[in-house]
Amino acid sequence: MILKKITKKSQELKQSYNQIEKYYHKLLKDSNVDNWDYIILTASNKDQANIYEAEIKERIDKNQIPSNTTYLVIPDPNGKRVGSGGATLNALKNIYDGLKDKEELKEKRILMIHSGRR
């Protein structure tokens, strides 16, 4: 009985993995697939930001992440730790300042990932 449950769960996980993998490859090939407008990584400092930017560039060059998404790496201002809340506000301000039509921000799909301490 337990073996049947484990086998069924394994099959479900494999099926989910296969669906995700198909979507991932579709995302890389089709620019019309619904995707994030911005993916933002916050960084503790400029050195950490430089490492993240290099990694993103490499992955775009190797077609491992969608190239039609805008990737931003935003370090804490002036090298001072501002916490997740401060980093969020700083990142959103950075996007907002770059938009010609400020109302456009309402329509953007944004994924923000906060880094830990270095």
Protein backbone atom coordinates (compact mmCIF):
# COMPACT_ATOMS: atom_id res chain seq x y z
CA MET A 1 0.00 0.00 0.00
CA ILE A 2 2.75 2.48 0.94
CA LEU A 3 4.76 1.51 -2.15
CA LYS A 4 1.74 2.29 -4.39
CA LYS A 5 1.40 5.75 -2.79
CA ILE A 6 5.10 6.46 -3.27
CA THR A 7 4.98 5.28 -6.89
CA LYS A 8 1.89 7.39 -7.60
CA LYS A 9 3.51 10.46 -6.00
CA SER A 10 6.67 9.88 -8.06
CA GLN A 11 4.62 9.72 -11.26
CA GLU A 12 2.79 12.94 -10.34
CA LEU A 13 6.09 14.71 -9.62
CA LYS A 14 7.56 13.50 -12.91
CA GLN A 15 4.48 14.71 -14.79
CA SER A 16 4.68 18.12 -13.08
CA TYR A 17 8.37 18.36 -13.88
CA ASN A 18 7.73 17.55 -17.55
CA GLN A 19 5.02 20.23 -17.77
CA ILE A 20 7.29 22.82 -16.18
CA GLU A 21 10.15 21.87 -18.50
CA LYS A 22 7.89 22.28 -21.57
CA TYR A 23 6.76 25.69 -20.35
CA TYR A 24 10.36 26.72 -19.66
CA HIS A 25 11.43 25.86 -23.22
CA LYS A 26 8.38 27.60 -24.65
CA LEU A 27 9.26 30.67 -22.58
CA LEU A 28 12.75 30.74 -24.07
CA LYS A 29 11.49 30.42 -27.67
CA ASP A 30 8.26 32.40 -27.75
CA SER A 31 8.32 36.09 -26.84
CA ASN A 32 4.51 36.13 -26.70
CA VAL A 33 4.38 33.84 -23.67
CA ASP A 34 3.13 35.67 -20.60
CA ASN A 35 6.25 36.49 -18.63
CA TRP A 36 7.66 38.91 -16.06
CA ASP A 37 8.30 42.43 -17.34
CA TYR A 38 11.00 42.91 -14.72
CA ILE A 39 12.98 40.55 -12.58
CA ILE A 40 14.79 42.49 -9.90
CA LEU A 41 17.51 41.21 -7.62
CA THR A 42 18.45 43.40 -4.73
CA ALA A 43 22.03 43.28 -3.56
CA SER A 44 23.75 44.27 -0.33
CA ASN A 45 26.47 46.20 -2.14
CA LYS A 46 27.93 47.01 -5.54
CA ASP A 47 30.34 44.05 -5.51
CA GLN A 48 27.48 41.62 -4.98
CA ALA A 49 25.46 43.40 -7.68
CA ASN A 50 28.34 43.02 -10.16
CA ILE A 51 28.45 39.26 -9.54
CA TYR A 52 24.67 38.95 -10.08
CA GLU A 53 24.82 41.05 -13.26
CA ALA A 54 27.60 38.86 -14.70
CA GLU A 55 25.58 35.73 -13.93
CA ILE A 56 22.45 37.15 -15.59
CA LYS A 57 24.43 38.20 -18.68
CA GLU A 58 25.95 34.74 -18.98
CA ARG A 59 22.56 33.05 -18.69
CA ILE A 60 21.01 35.35 -21.30
CA ASP A 61 23.96 34.69 -23.64
CA LYS A 62 23.45 30.93 -23.20
CA ASN A 63 19.68 31.27 -23.70
CA GLN A 64 18.99 29.86 -20.25
CA ILE A 65 16.65 32.67 -19.20
CA PRO A 66 14.18 34.70 -21.27
CA SER A 67 15.81 37.63 -23.03
CA ASN A 68 12.57 39.61 -23.36
CA THR A 69 12.47 40.29 -19.61
CA THR A 70 14.23 43.31 -18.13
CA TYR A 71 16.65 42.19 -15.42
CA LEU A 72 17.76 44.73 -12.87
CA VAL A 73 20.23 44.28 -10.05
CA ILE A 74 19.92 47.07 -7.54
CA PRO A 75 22.38 47.39 -4.68
CA ASP A 76 21.50 49.09 -1.42
CA PRO A 77 22.14 52.84 -1.81
CA ASN A 78 25.54 54.14 -0.76
CA GLY A 79 26.53 50.69 0.47
CA LYS A 80 24.26 51.06 3.52
CA ARG A 81 22.03 48.16 4.50
CA VAL A 82 18.40 49.19 4.13
CA GLY A 83 16.62 45.89 4.73
CA SER A 84 14.03 44.22 2.53
CA GLY A 85 11.50 47.05 2.84
CA GLY A 86 14.03 49.73 1.94
CA ALA A 87 15.40 47.62 -0.91
CA THR A 88 11.87 47.13 -2.28
CA LEU A 89 11.16 50.86 -2.26
CA ASN A 90 14.55 51.60 -3.80
CA ALA A 91 13.99 49.06 -6.59
CA LEU A 92 10.47 50.28 -7.39
CA LYS A 93 11.69 53.88 -7.45
CA ASN A 94 14.42 52.81 -9.86
CA ILE A 95 11.83 51.34 -12.26
CA TYR A 96 9.43 54.26 -11.80
CA ASP A 97 12.14 56.82 -12.58
CA GLY A 98 12.94 54.97 -15.83
CA LEU A 99 9.38 54.99 -17.16
CA LYS A 100 8.17 57.74 -19.47
CA ASP A 101 4.53 57.06 -18.64
CA LYS A 102 4.36 56.67 -14.86
CA GLU A 103 0.91 55.02 -15.07
CA GLU A 104 2.61 52.18 -16.92
CA LEU A 105 3.99 50.84 -13.62
CA LYS A 106 0.49 49.61 -12.69
CA GLU A 107 0.54 47.23 -15.66
CA LYS A 108 3.99 45.76 -15.10
CA ARG A 109 4.58 42.25 -13.82
CA ILE A 110 7.50 42.45 -11.41
CA LEU A 111 9.31 39.67 -9.60
CA MET A 112 11.63 40.90 -6.86
CA ILE A 113 14.18 38.66 -5.18
CA HIS A 114 16.03 39.94 -2.13
CA SER A 115 19.55 38.74 -1.54
CA GLY A 116 20.88 37.75 1.80
CA ARG A 117 23.94 39.18 3.46
CA ARG A 118 27.24 38.61 1.85
